[in-house]
Amino acid sequence: MFYKMEYPEKDKIVTLVSLSPSFGRKGLQSLLKQWQEADFSVELSGTDLDEMALSNVLKESNPDVLAISCTSPDSISTLKNFLQLEQHKLAIPLIIGGLYADPFLANTLSDLYRIKIYYSRGIEDCVKILSMALEGRDPDPPCMGEAKPFPVPVEFEETAEKCNISFLEGPVDLIELTSDPLMGCEDCPGKIDRTCPLASGYTKIRSITESRDLISTFRKVILMITPALSMKTMEISRNRRKSLWYSMLEIESIMEQKYGRAMIFKFPVKCPICEPGKCIMPQGKCNFPELIRPLHEEYCINMPATIMNIAGDRESMEMYALVLTGENRQENKFHFRKGISL
């Protein structure tokens, strides 16, 4: 089933689909809205599609551009199966996006199947990417980050190695803020079990002014990077999450001793401190508030944009957390980079 929206200003048609299996389709609605406001004609799939269903849809709709959302590891296999099925027949450009897509995958598949495949990061660049695809321009190469490697202090070398954490550092103006920090949280499990501090009402989002004023008092930002946990691991491996959590607290403590001041944000994992069934976060309380660390979203931090500024595009699925360190003694000279969404 498709929902078709046509705009007379544009005579090009975009077919927007999600590949099965998927972890959610809410991102498609955001893309649809952006393209709708740009007056493009869009056909949105009503269900997730496998390679055969997508091939049939392509024959029926005959679009000018095909946009594909990949939100699970297996959806990448579906994408590759589709391209193999359509090999030598696909004559239109593709746009791929979603949690498990990246520009490196787009480049690899473009070379393999000799078609132009574009990577879209989401609503921030979707109109630009669609215009590039329709005009036949070459896709952008992967982006490079602006930060540099952070030498791991000997005090937590063992901890970092145990959890496979690497570090990048740069000035705090690499952080971007947004007035809608929860935009990417629609499918977060925290909204279901309410162990998320924001979803439970335990904490709240600060204003952009308050967030900016706090961040500007620090001298530099350090990005902690560790391999992503699978959805299955995040649910069942409490010990793995607990190890990561306490490592995070240890790193914060050592950073504070080393730089005089540190503030750490948590990795995107469910808090593992309480045994199953004993967490009281759904009641807006916490058994161990001294062990809780803030979400980036509590301080209006646009993590996708910030990660891009610091680390650039990444070839593997990873989890990230920021550490703010040091004292900025020239607050009046501090400026966030242009492009902050206010």
C-alpha atoms as a PDB file:
ATOM      1  CA  MET A   1       0.000   0.000   0.000  1.00  0.00           C
ATOM      2  CA  PHE A   2       1.344   3.445  -0.898  1.00  0.00           C
ATOM      3  CA  TYR A   3       0.382   6.954   0.142  1.00  0.00           C
ATOM      4  CA  LYS A   4       1.016   9.307  -2.769  1.00  0.00           C
ATOM      5  CA  MET A   5       1.482  13.057  -2.377  1.00  0.00           C
ATOM      6  CA  GLU A   6       1.961  15.126  -5.493  1.00  0.00           C
ATOM      7  CA  TYR A   7       3.107  18.694  -5.917  1.00  0.00           C
ATOM      8  CA  PRO A   8       2.755  20.411  -9.295  1.00  0.00           C
ATOM      9  CA  GLU A   9       6.008  22.354  -8.876  1.00  0.00           C
ATOM     10  CA  LYS A  10       8.036  19.145  -9.180  1.00  0.00           C
ATOM     11  CA  ASP A  11       7.581  16.522 -11.860  1.00  0.00           C
ATOM     12  CA  LYS A  12      10.031  14.035 -10.339  1.00  0.00           C
ATOM     13  CA  ILE A  13       8.722  11.152  -8.242  1.00  0.00           C
ATOM     14  CA  VAL A  14      10.498   9.671  -5.219  1.00  0.00           C
ATOM     15  CA  THR A  15       9.607   6.234  -3.880  1.00  0.00           C
ATOM     16  CA  LEU A  16      10.399   6.035  -0.157  1.00  0.00           C
ATOM     17  CA  VAL A  17      10.591   2.566   1.417  1.00  0.00           C
ATOM     18  CA  SER A  18      11.844   0.742   4.507  1.00  0.00           C
ATOM     19  CA  LEU A  19      13.488  -2.645   4.129  1.00  0.00           C
ATOM     20  CA  SER A  20      12.539  -5.635   6.238  1.00  0.00           C
ATOM     21  CA  PRO A  21      13.267  -6.413   8.922  1.00  0.00           C
ATOM     22  CA  SER A  22      13.210  -2.938  10.463  1.00  0.00           C
ATOM     23  CA  PHE A  23      13.301  -1.530  13.988  1.00  0.00           C
ATOM     24  CA  GLY A  24      10.811   1.232  13.214  1.00  0.00           C
ATOM     25  CA  ARG A  25       9.463   3.531  10.502  1.00  0.00           C
ATOM     26  CA  LYS A  26       9.085   6.871  12.271  1.00  0.00           C
ATOM     27  CA  GLY A  27      12.108   8.311  10.516  1.00  0.00           C
ATOM     28  CA  LEU A  28      10.295   7.878   7.199  1.00  0.00           C
ATOM     29  CA  GLN A  29       7.603  10.279   8.341  1.00  0.00           C
ATOM     30  CA  SER A  30      10.232  12.950   9.061  1.00  0.00           C
ATOM     31  CA  LEU A  31      11.749  12.518   5.589  1.00  0.00           C
ATOM     32  CA  LEU A  32       8.336  12.588   3.982  1.00  0.00           C
ATOM     33  CA  LYS A  33       7.536  15.856   5.754  1.00  0.00           C
ATOM     34  CA  GLN A  34      10.772  17.485   4.610  1.00  0.00           C
ATOM     35  CA  TRP A  35      10.317  16.428   0.996  1.00  0.00           C
ATOM     36  CA  GLN A  36       6.650  17.403   1.152  1.00  0.00           C
ATOM     37  CA  GLU A  37       7.605  20.906   2.273  1.00  0.00           C
ATOM     38  CA  ALA A  38      10.079  21.046  -0.624  1.00  0.00           C
ATOM     39  CA  ASP A  39       7.216  20.206  -3.019  1.00  0.00           C
ATOM     40  CA  PHE A  40       8.423  16.842  -4.273  1.00  0.00           C
ATOM     41  CA  SER A  41       6.090  14.030  -5.304  1.00  0.00           C
ATOM     42  CA  VAL A  42       6.573  11.167  -2.864  1.00  0.00           C
ATOM     43  CA  GLU A  43       5.282   7.604  -2.713  1.00  0.00           C
ATOM     44  CA  LEU A  44       5.683   6.112   0.773  1.00  0.00           C
ATOM     45  CA  SER A  45       5.503   2.364   1.333  1.00  0.00           C
ATOM     46  CA  GLY A  46       2.928   1.299   3.904  1.00  0.00           C
ATOM     47  CA  THR A  47       4.909  -1.736   5.076  1.00  0.00           C
ATOM     48  CA  ASP A  48       8.485  -2.985   5.261  1.00  0.00           C
ATOM     49  CA  LEU A  49       9.583  -4.652   2.029  1.00  0.00           C
ATOM     50  CA  ASP A  50      11.849  -7.571   1.221  1.00  0.00           C
ATOM     51  CA  GLU A  51      13.922  -7.651  -1.964  1.00  0.00           C
ATOM     52  CA  MET A  52      11.202  -9.259  -4.101  1.00  0.00           C
ATOM     53  CA  ALA A  53       8.490  -6.878  -2.912  1.00  0.00           C
ATOM     54  CA  LEU A  54      10.768  -3.885  -3.522  1.00  0.00           C
ATOM     55  CA  SER A  55      11.592  -5.133  -7.008  1.00  0.00           C
ATOM     56  CA  ASN A  56       7.885  -5.404  -7.799  1.00  0.00           C
ATOM     57  CA  VAL A  57       7.199  -1.931  -6.388  1.00  0.00           C
ATOM     58  CA  LEU A  58       9.947  -0.490  -8.569  1.00  0.00           C
ATOM     59  CA  LYS A  59       8.355  -1.975 -11.685  1.00  0.00           C
ATOM     60  CA  GLU A  60       4.910  -0.655 -10.767  1.00  0.00           C
ATOM     61  CA  SER A  61       5.810   2.877  -9.688  1.00  0.00           C
ATOM     62  CA  ASN A  62       8.705   3.640 -12.071  1.00  0.00           C
ATOM     63  CA  PRO A  63      10.102   6.462  -9.868  1.00  0.00           C
ATOM     64  CA  ASP A  64      12.895   8.894 -10.675  1.00  0.00           C
ATOM     65  CA  VAL A  65      14.646   8.202  -7.355  1.00  0.00           C
ATOM     66  CA  LEU A  66      14.417   5.327  -4.898  1.00  0.00           C
ATOM     67  CA  ALA A  67      15.007   6.187  -1.210  1.00  0.00           C
ATOM     68  CA  ILE A  68      15.668   3.257   1.130  1.00  0.00           C
ATOM     69  CA  SER A  69      15.714   3.146   4.929  1.00  0.00           C
ATOM     70  CA  CYS A  70      17.897   0.490   6.617  1.00  0.00           C
ATOM     71  CA  THR A  71      17.256   0.257  10.362  1.00  0.00           C
ATOM     72  CA  SER A  72      18.527  -3.236  11.205  1.00  0.00           C
ATOM     73  CA  PRO A  73      21.632  -5.285  10.338  1.00  0.00           C
ATOM     74  CA  ASP A  74      19.524  -7.737   8.319  1.00  0.00           C
ATOM     75  CA  SER A  75      18.039  -4.914   6.263  1.00  0.00           C
ATOM     76  CA  ILE A  76      21.501  -4.414   4.748  1.00  0.00           C
ATOM     77  CA  SER A  77      21.359  -8.004   3.495  1.00  0.00           C
ATOM     78  CA  THR A  78      17.949  -7.234   2.002  1.00  0.00           C
ATOM     79  CA  LEU A  79      19.425  -4.187   0.259  1.00  0.00           C
ATOM     80  CA  LYS A  80      22.286  -6.234  -1.202  1.00  0.00           C
ATOM     81  CA  ASN A  81      19.882  -8.965  -2.322  1.00  0.00           C
ATOM     82  CA  PHE A  82      17.755  -6.339  -4.060  1.00  0.00           C
ATOM     83  CA  LEU A  83      20.735  -4.842  -5.863  1.00  0.00           C
ATOM     84  CA  GLN A  84      21.844  -8.295  -6.958  1.00  0.00           C
ATOM     85  CA  LEU A  85      18.323  -9.009  -8.200  1.00  0.00           C
ATOM     86  CA  GLU A  86      18.197  -5.747 -10.139  1.00  0.00           C
ATOM     87  CA  GLN A  87      21.789  -5.926 -11.379  1.00  0.00           C
ATOM     88  CA  HIS A  88      22.235  -4.360 -14.854  1.00  0.00           C
ATOM     89  CA  LYS A  89      18.581  -3.214 -14.797  1.00  0.00           C
ATOM     90  CA  LEU A  90      18.603  -0.415 -12.224  1.00  0.00           C
ATOM     91  CA  ALA A  91      18.937   2.901 -14.035  1.00  0.00           C
ATOM     92  CA  ILE A  92      17.817   5.359 -11.355  1.00  0.00           C
ATOM     93  CA  PRO A  93      19.796   6.771  -8.435  1.00  0.00           C
ATOM     94  CA  LEU A  94      19.345   5.399  -4.908  1.00  0.00           C
ATOM     95  CA  ILE A  95      19.376   7.222  -1.597  1.00  0.00           C
ATOM     96  CA  ILE A  96      20.093   5.117   1.480  1.00  0.00           C
ATOM     97  CA  GLY A  97      19.800   6.091   5.124  1.00  0.00           C
ATOM     98  CA  GLY A  98      18.853   4.756   8.523  1.00  0.00           C
ATOM     99  CA  LEU A  99      20.774   3.489  11.521  1.00  0.00           C
ATOM    100  CA  TYR A 100      22.665   0.764   9.651  1.00  0.00           C
ATOM    101  CA  ALA A 101      23.511   2.674   6.473  1.00  0.00           C
ATOM    102  CA  ASP A 102      26.594   4.837   6.037  1.00  0.00           C
ATOM    103  CA  PRO A 103      28.502   6.627   3.239  1.00  0.00           C
ATOM    104  CA  PHE A 104      31.124   3.884   3.117  1.00  0.00           C
ATOM    105  CA  LEU A 105      28.424   1.343   2.299  1.00  0.00           C
ATOM    106  CA  ALA A 106      27.025   3.724  -0.328  1.00  0.00           C
ATOM    107  CA  ASN A 107      30.458   4.059  -1.944  1.00  0.00           C
ATOM    108  CA  THR A 108      31.099   0.316  -1.932  1.00  0.00           C
ATOM    109  CA  LEU A 109      27.737  -0.560  -3.456  1.00  0.00           C
ATOM    110  CA  SER A 110      28.028   2.262  -6.000  1.00  0.00           C
ATOM    111  CA  ASP A 111      31.300   0.834  -7.261  1.00  0.00           C
ATOM    112  CA  LEU A 112      30.062  -2.749  -7.213  1.00  0.00           C
ATOM    113  CA  TYR A 113      26.818  -2.156  -9.103  1.00  0.00           C
ATOM    114  CA  ARG A 114      27.896   0.876 -11.150  1.00  0.00           C
ATOM    115  CA  ILE A 115      25.010   3.077 -10.063  1.00  0.00           C
ATOM    116  CA  LYS A 116      24.922   6.289  -8.066  1.00  0.00           C
ATOM    117  CA  ILE A 117      24.035   5.635  -4.438  1.00  0.00           C
ATOM    118  CA  TYR A 118      23.725   8.600  -2.106  1.00  0.00           C
ATOM    119  CA  TYR A 119      23.817   8.586   1.680  1.00  0.00           C
ATOM    120  CA  SER A 120      21.408  10.794   3.637  1.00  0.00           C
ATOM    121  CA  ARG A 121      21.999  11.559   7.305  1.00  0.00           C
ATOM    122  CA  GLY A 122      18.328  12.377   7.875  1.00  0.00           C
ATOM    123  CA  ILE A 123      16.148  15.448   7.793  1.00  0.00           C
ATOM    124  CA  GLU A 124      19.095  17.858   8.064  1.00  0.00           C
ATOM    125  CA  ASP A 125      20.359  17.086   4.562  1.00  0.00           C
ATOM    126  CA  CYS A 126      17.601  15.043   2.880  1.00  0.00           C
ATOM    127  CA  VAL A 127      16.428  17.831   0.547  1.00  0.00           C
ATOM    128  CA  LYS A 128      19.993  18.577  -0.530  1.00  0.00           C
ATOM    129  CA  ILE A 129      20.729  14.884  -1.166  1.00  0.00           C
ATOM    130  CA  LEU A 130      17.511  14.394  -3.133  1.00  0.00           C
ATOM    131  CA  SER A 131      18.341  17.412  -5.301  1.00  0.00           C
ATOM    132  CA  MET A 132      21.834  16.026  -5.941  1.00  0.00           C
ATOM    133  CA  ALA A 133      20.376  12.665  -6.960  1.00  0.00           C
ATOM    134  CA  LEU A 134      17.842  14.215  -9.336  1.00  0.00           C
ATOM    135  CA  GLU A 135      20.524  16.409 -10.917  1.00  0.00           C
ATOM    136  CA  GLY A 136      22.892  13.447 -11.327  1.00  0.00           C
ATOM    137  CA  ARG A 137      25.701  15.031  -9.320  1.00  0.00           C
ATOM    138  CA  ASP A 138      28.359  12.812  -7.781  1.00  0.00           C
ATOM    139  CA  PRO A 139      27.671  11.689  -4.200  1.00  0.00           C
ATOM    140  CA  ASP A 140      29.667  13.355  -1.438  1.00  0.00           C
ATOM    141  CA  PRO A 141      32.617  11.391  -0.034  1.00  0.00           C
ATOM    142  CA  PRO A 142      32.649  10.417   3.664  1.00  0.00           C
ATOM    143  CA  CYS A 143      33.295  13.347   6.017  1.00  0.00           C
ATOM    144  CA  MET A 144      36.420  13.739   8.135  1.00  0.00           C
ATOM    145  CA  GLY A 145      36.212  14.786  11.778  1.00  0.00           C
ATOM    146  CA  GLU A 146      38.045  17.783  13.213  1.00  0.00           C
ATOM    147  CA  ALA A 147      39.243  16.272  16.492  1.00  0.00           C
ATOM    148  CA  LYS A 148      42.542  14.527  17.198  1.00  0.00           C
ATOM    149  CA  PRO A 149      43.320  11.320  19.113  1.00  0.00           C
ATOM    150  CA  PHE A 150      43.376  11.725  22.871  1.00  0.00           C
ATOM    151  CA  PRO A 151      46.348   9.952  24.512  1.00  0.00           C
ATOM    152  CA  VAL A 152      44.903   7.638  27.165  1.00  0.00           C
ATOM    153  CA  PRO A 153      46.311   8.486  30.621  1.00  0.00           C
ATOM    154  CA  VAL A 154      48.112   5.590  32.246  1.00  0.00           C
ATOM    155  CA  GLU A 155      45.668   5.827  35.159  1.00  0.00           C
ATOM    156  CA  PHE A 156      42.846   4.305  33.117  1.00  0.00           C
ATOM    157  CA  GLU A 157      44.664   2.479  30.328  1.00  0.00           C
ATOM    158  CA  GLU A 158      43.504  -0.873  31.713  1.00  0.00           C
ATOM    159  CA  THR A 159      39.906   0.303  32.059  1.00  0.00           C
ATOM    160  CA  ALA A 160      39.799   1.666  28.522  1.00  0.00           C
ATOM    161  CA  GLU A 161      41.301  -1.526  27.125  1.00  0.00           C
ATOM    162  CA  LYS A 162      38.844  -3.709  29.039  1.00  0.00           C
ATOM    163  CA  CYS A 163      35.849  -1.954  27.481  1.00  0.00           C
ATOM    164  CA  ASN A 164      37.572  -1.233  24.160  1.00  0.00           C
ATOM    165  CA  ILE A 165      37.126   2.525  24.563  1.00  0.00           C
ATOM    166  CA  SER A 166      39.042   4.931  22.340  1.00  0.00           C
ATOM    167  CA  PHE A 167      39.106   8.719  22.625  1.00  0.00           C
ATOM    168  CA  LEU A 168      39.158  11.855  20.479  1.00  0.00           C
ATOM    169  CA  GLU A 169      39.556  15.403  21.784  1.00  0.00           C
ATOM    170  CA  GLY A 170      38.841  18.896  20.544  1.00  0.00           C
ATOM    171  CA  PRO A 171      37.519  22.320  21.580  1.00  0.00           C
ATOM    172  CA  VAL A 172      33.998  22.508  22.952  1.00  0.00           C
ATOM    173  CA  ASP A 173      32.863  24.535  19.952  1.00  0.00           C
ATOM    174  CA  LEU A 174      32.657  21.202  18.108  1.00  0.00           C
ATOM    175  CA  ILE A 175      29.498  20.559  20.123  1.00  0.00           C
ATOM    176  CA  GLU A 176      26.258  21.485  18.370  1.00  0.00           C
ATOM    177  CA  LEU A 177      23.016  22.234  20.171  1.00  0.00           C
ATOM    178  CA  THR A 178      19.455  21.795  19.014  1.00  0.00           C
ATOM    179  CA  SER A 179      16.061  22.981  20.181  1.00  0.00           C
ATOM    180  CA  ASP A 180      14.682  19.475  19.558  1.00  0.00           C
ATOM    181  CA  PRO A 181      17.166  17.075  21.202  1.00  0.00           C
ATOM    182  CA  LEU A 182      14.640  14.216  21.331  1.00  0.00           C
ATOM    183  CA  MET A 183      14.059  14.198  17.580  1.00  0.00           C
ATOM    184  CA  GLY A 184      15.913  10.912  17.186  1.00  0.00           C
ATOM    185  CA  CYS A 185      14.395   9.226  20.241  1.00  0.00           C
ATOM    186  CA  GLU A 186      11.038   8.071  18.840  1.00  0.00           C
ATOM    187  CA  ASP A 187      11.943   4.378  18.894  1.00  0.00           C
ATOM    188  CA  CYS A 188      14.048   4.397  22.069  1.00  0.00           C
ATOM    189  CA  PRO A 189      13.222   1.479  24.416  1.00  0.00           C
ATOM    190  CA  GLY A 190      13.317   3.994  27.283  1.00  0.00           C
ATOM    191  CA  LYS A 191       9.951   5.308  26.169  1.00  0.00           C
ATOM    192  CA  ILE A 192       8.519   1.824  26.634  1.00  0.00           C
ATOM    193  CA  ASP A 193       9.955   0.772  30.003  1.00  0.00           C
ATOM    194  CA  ARG A 194      10.388   4.385  31.256  1.00  0.00           C
ATOM    195  CA  THR A 195      13.844   3.777  32.723  1.00  0.00           C
ATOM    196  CA  CYS A 196      15.017   6.771  30.693  1.00  0.00           C
ATOM    197  CA  PRO A 197      15.423   9.772  33.064  1.00  0.00           C
ATOM    198  CA  LEU A 198      13.641  12.055  30.611  1.00  0.00           C
ATOM    199  CA  ALA A 199      10.814   9.620  29.810  1.00  0.00           C
ATOM    200  CA  SER A 200      10.256   8.877  33.515  1.00  0.00           C
ATOM    201  CA  GLY A 201      10.196  12.513  34.580  1.00  0.00           C
ATOM    202  CA  TYR A 202      13.256  12.043  36.815  1.00  0.00           C
ATOM    203  CA  THR A 203      15.019  14.860  34.988  1.00  0.00           C
ATOM    204  CA  LYS A 204      14.203  17.445  32.316  1.00  0.00           C
ATOM    205  CA  ILE A 205      15.704  19.158  29.284  1.00  0.00           C
ATOM    206  CA  ARG A 206      17.525  22.371  30.100  1.00  0.00           C
ATOM    207  CA  SER A 207      17.083  25.448  27.952  1.00  0.00           C
ATOM    208  CA  ILE A 208      19.506  26.090  25.133  1.00  0.00           C
ATOM    209  CA  THR A 209      20.807  29.149  26.977  1.00  0.00           C
ATOM    210  CA  GLU A 210      21.403  27.160  30.159  1.00  0.00           C
ATOM    211  CA  SER A 211      23.041  24.354  28.194  1.00  0.00           C
ATOM    212  CA  ARG A 212      25.280  26.731  26.243  1.00  0.00           C
ATOM    213  CA  ASP A 213      26.295  28.593  29.386  1.00  0.00           C
ATOM    214  CA  LEU A 214      27.303  25.371  31.132  1.00  0.00           C
ATOM    215  CA  ILE A 215      29.229  23.870  28.202  1.00  0.00           C
ATOM    216  CA  SER A 216      31.065  27.139  27.599  1.00  0.00           C
ATOM    217  CA  THR A 217      32.668  26.944  31.041  1.00  0.00           C
ATOM    218  CA  PHE A 218      34.685  23.877  29.959  1.00  0.00           C
ATOM    219  CA  ARG A 219      37.861  24.004  27.910  1.00  0.00           C
ATOM    220  CA  LYS A 220      37.635  20.886  25.768  1.00  0.00           C
ATOM    221  CA  VAL A 221      35.425  17.954  24.877  1.00  0.00           C
ATOM    222  CA  ILE A 222      36.545  14.335  24.734  1.00  0.00           C
ATOM    223  CA  LEU A 223      34.528  11.811  22.756  1.00  0.00           C
ATOM    224  CA  MET A 224      34.561   8.264  24.136  1.00  0.00           C
ATOM    225  CA  ILE A 225      33.967   5.591  21.493  1.00  0.00           C
ATOM    226  CA  THR A 226      33.210   1.918  22.028  1.00  0.00           C
ATOM    227  CA  PRO A 227      31.723  -0.823  19.806  1.00  0.00           C
ATOM    228  CA  ALA A 228      27.931  -0.806  19.829  1.00  0.00           C
ATOM    229  CA  LEU A 229      26.068  -3.440  21.785  1.00  0.00           C
ATOM    230  CA  SER A 230      23.533  -5.409  19.802  1.00  0.00           C
ATOM    231  CA  MET A 231      19.868  -5.001  20.707  1.00  0.00           C
ATOM    232  CA  LYS A 232      19.983  -8.502  22.197  1.00  0.00           C
ATOM    233  CA  THR A 233      23.101  -7.764  24.264  1.00  0.00           C
ATOM    234  CA  MET A 234      21.656  -4.530  25.602  1.00  0.00           C
ATOM    235  CA  GLU A 235      18.678  -6.450  26.964  1.00  0.00           C
ATOM    236  CA  ILE A 236      20.301  -9.547  28.419  1.00  0.00           C
ATOM    237  CA  SER A 237      23.917  -8.685  29.297  1.00  0.00           C
ATOM    238  CA  ARG A 238      23.586  -6.654  32.482  1.00  0.00           C
ATOM    239  CA  ASN A 239      27.176  -7.507  33.458  1.00  0.00           C
ATOM    240  CA  ARG A 240      28.507  -6.069  30.177  1.00  0.00           C
ATOM    241  CA  ARG A 241      26.541  -2.878  30.696  1.00  0.00           C
ATOM    242  CA  LYS A 242      27.586  -2.662  34.340  1.00  0.00           C
ATOM    243  CA  SER A 243      31.253  -2.991  33.391  1.00  0.00           C
ATOM    244  CA  LEU A 244      30.881  -0.174  30.866  1.00  0.00           C
ATOM    245  CA  TRP A 245      28.955   1.985  33.351  1.00  0.00           C
ATOM    246  CA  TYR A 246      31.514   1.725  36.154  1.00  0.00           C
ATOM    247  CA  SER A 247      34.346   2.251  33.690  1.00  0.00           C
ATOM    248  CA  MET A 248      32.631   5.464  32.652  1.00  0.00           C
ATOM    249  CA  LEU A 249      32.482   6.635  36.282  1.00  0.00           C
ATOM    250  CA  GLU A 250      36.136   5.729  36.836  1.00  0.00           C
ATOM    251  CA  ILE A 251      37.200   7.682  33.770  1.00  0.00           C
ATOM    252  CA  GLU A 252      35.228  10.716  34.951  1.00  0.00           C
ATOM    253  CA  SER A 253      36.896  10.586  38.371  1.00  0.00           C
ATOM    254  CA  ILE A 254      40.388  10.376  36.888  1.00  0.00           C
ATOM    255  CA  MET A 255      39.620  13.143  34.377  1.00  0.00           C
ATOM    256  CA  GLU A 256      38.485  15.339  37.254  1.00  0.00           C
ATOM    257  CA  GLN A 257      41.730  14.712  39.130  1.00  0.00           C
ATOM    258  CA  LYS A 258      43.821  15.287  36.008  1.00  0.00           C
ATOM    259  CA  TYR A 259      42.101  18.425  34.688  1.00  0.00           C
ATOM    260  CA  GLY A 260      40.556  19.854  37.856  1.00  0.00           C
ATOM    261  CA  ARG A 261      37.044  19.486  36.483  1.00  0.00           C
ATOM    262  CA  ALA A 262      35.068  16.961  34.435  1.00  0.00           C
ATOM    263  CA  MET A 263      31.489  16.224  33.466  1.00  0.00           C
ATOM    264  CA  ILE A 264      30.655  12.952  31.756  1.00  0.00           C
ATOM    265  CA  PHE A 265      27.546  11.972  29.793  1.00  0.00           C
ATOM    266  CA  LYS A 266      26.320   8.408  29.700  1.00  0.00           C
ATOM    267  CA  PHE A 267      26.643   5.913  26.887  1.00  0.00           C
ATOM    268  CA  PRO A 268      23.292   5.025  25.249  1.00  0.00           C
ATOM    269  CA  VAL A 269      22.698   1.882  27.342  1.00  0.00           C
ATOM    270  CA  LYS A 270      20.043   1.066  29.910  1.00  0.00           C
ATOM    271  CA  CYS A 271      21.240   1.685  33.464  1.00  0.00           C
ATOM    272  CA  PRO A 272      22.452  -1.665  34.889  1.00  0.00           C
ATOM    273  CA  ILE A 273      22.847  -0.707  38.567  1.00  0.00           C
ATOM    274  CA  CYS A 274      19.624  -2.146  40.001  1.00  0.00           C
ATOM    275  CA  GLU A 275      18.684  -5.780  39.673  1.00  0.00           C
ATOM    276  CA  PRO A 276      15.789  -6.476  37.275  1.00  0.00           C
ATOM    277  CA  GLY A 277      12.488  -5.396  38.802  1.00  0.00           C
ATOM    278  CA  LYS A 278      14.052  -3.150  41.463  1.00  0.00           C
ATOM    279  CA  CYS A 279      14.529   0.028  39.432  1.00  0.00           C
ATOM    280  CA  ILE A 280      12.233   2.841  40.582  1.00  0.00           C
ATOM    281  CA  MET A 281      12.974   5.181  37.673  1.00  0.00           C
ATOM    282  CA  PRO A 282       9.439   4.630  36.282  1.00  0.00           C
ATOM    283  CA  GLN A 283       8.239   6.416  39.453  1.00  0.00           C
ATOM    284  CA  GLY A 284      10.534   9.343  38.741  1.00  0.00           C
ATOM    285  CA  LYS A 285      12.988   8.299  41.466  1.00  0.00           C
ATOM    286  CA  CYS A 286      16.367   6.564  41.624  1.00  0.00           C
ATOM    287  CA  ASN A 287      17.873   4.149  44.147  1.00  0.00           C
ATOM    288  CA  PHE A 288      21.411   5.355  43.365  1.00  0.00           C
ATOM    289  CA  PRO A 289      21.243   8.978  42.135  1.00  0.00           C
ATOM    290  CA  GLU A 290      24.967   9.458  42.788  1.00  0.00           C
ATOM    291  CA  LEU A 291      25.692   6.887  40.051  1.00  0.00           C
ATOM    292  CA  ILE A 292      23.400   8.431  37.426  1.00  0.00           C
ATOM    293  CA  ARG A 293      24.978  10.556  34.712  1.00  0.00           C
ATOM    294  CA  PRO A 294      23.079  12.840  32.314  1.00  0.00           C
ATOM    295  CA  LEU A 295      21.878  12.094  28.835  1.00  0.00           C
ATOM    296  CA  HIS A 296      23.281  14.345  26.116  1.00  0.00           C
ATOM    297  CA  GLU A 297      19.688  15.268  25.288  1.00  0.00           C
ATOM    298  CA  GLU A 298      19.212  16.806  28.740  1.00  0.00           C
ATOM    299  CA  TYR A 299      21.585  19.576  27.623  1.00  0.00           C
ATOM    300  CA  CYS A 300      20.211  20.067  24.103  1.00  0.00           C
ATOM    301  CA  ILE A 301      23.225  18.377  22.517  1.00  0.00           C
ATOM    302  CA  ASN A 302      22.723  17.319  18.916  1.00  0.00           C
ATOM    303  CA  MET A 303      24.754  14.118  19.129  1.00  0.00           C
ATOM    304  CA  PRO A 304      24.647  13.080  15.437  1.00  0.00           C
ATOM    305  CA  ALA A 305      25.965  16.503  14.390  1.00  0.00           C
ATOM    306  CA  THR A 306      28.468  16.639  17.245  1.00  0.00           C
ATOM    307  CA  ILE A 307      29.830  13.174  16.444  1.00  0.00           C
ATOM    308  CA  MET A 308      30.188  14.230  12.815  1.00  0.00           C
ATOM    309  CA  ASN A 309      32.148  17.349  13.834  1.00  0.00           C
ATOM    310  CA  ILE A 310      34.440  15.411  16.150  1.00  0.00           C
ATOM    311  CA  ALA A 311      34.851  11.979  14.554  1.00  0.00           C
ATOM    312  CA  GLY A 312      33.483  12.294  11.028  1.00  0.00           C
ATOM    313  CA  ASP A 313      31.868   9.321   9.321  1.00  0.00           C
ATOM    314  CA  ARG A 314      32.516   5.927  10.877  1.00  0.00           C
ATOM    315  CA  GLU A 315      32.695   2.558   9.151  1.00  0.00           C
ATOM    316  CA  SER A 316      31.389   0.502  12.080  1.00  0.00           C
ATOM    317  CA  MET A 317      28.484   0.700  14.521  1.00  0.00           C
ATOM    318  CA  GLU A 318      29.696   2.400  17.693  1.00  0.00           C
ATOM    319  CA  MET A 319      28.399   4.023  20.866  1.00  0.00           C
ATOM    320  CA  TYR A 320      29.515   7.479  21.965  1.00  0.00           C
ATOM    321  CA  ALA A 321      29.626   9.553  25.129  1.00  0.00           C
ATOM    322  CA  LEU A 322      31.061  13.010  25.752  1.00  0.00           C
ATOM    323  CA  VAL A 323      33.322  14.165  28.574  1.00  0.00           C
ATOM    324  CA  LEU A 324      33.694  17.891  29.228  1.00  0.00           C
ATOM    325  CA  THR A 325      36.966  18.781  30.945  1.00  0.00           C
ATOM    326  CA  GLY A 326      39.080  21.697  32.062  1.00  0.00           C
ATOM    327  CA  GLU A 327      38.223  25.266  32.887  1.00  0.00           C
ATOM    328  CA  ASN A 328      37.520  27.814  30.186  1.00  0.00           C
ATOM    329  CA  ARG A 329      38.836  31.125  31.477  1.00  0.00           C
ATOM    330  CA  GLN A 330      37.881  33.126  28.399  1.00  0.00           C
ATOM    331  CA  GLU A 331      34.131  32.618  28.368  1.00  0.00           C
ATOM    332  CA  ASN A 332      33.456  35.894  26.605  1.00  0.00           C
ATOM    333  CA  LYS A 333      35.579  34.756  23.658  1.00  0.00           C
ATOM    334  CA  PHE A 334      33.838  31.392  23.394  1.00  0.00           C
ATOM    335  CA  HIS A 335      31.574  30.847  20.402  1.00  0.00           C
ATOM    336  CA  PHE A 336      29.642  27.814  19.278  1.00  0.00           C
ATOM    337  CA  ARG A 337      30.071  27.055  15.614  1.00  0.00           C
ATOM    338  CA  LYS A 338      27.510  28.244  13.123  1.00  0.00           C
ATOM    339  CA  GLY A 339      24.834  25.744  12.240  1.00  0.00           C
ATOM    340  CA  ILE A 340      23.408  25.280  15.726  1.00  0.00           C
ATOM    341  CA  SER A 341      19.689  24.698  15.481  1.00  0.00           C
ATOM    342  CA  LEU A 342      17.890  27.204  17.666  1.00  0.00           C
END
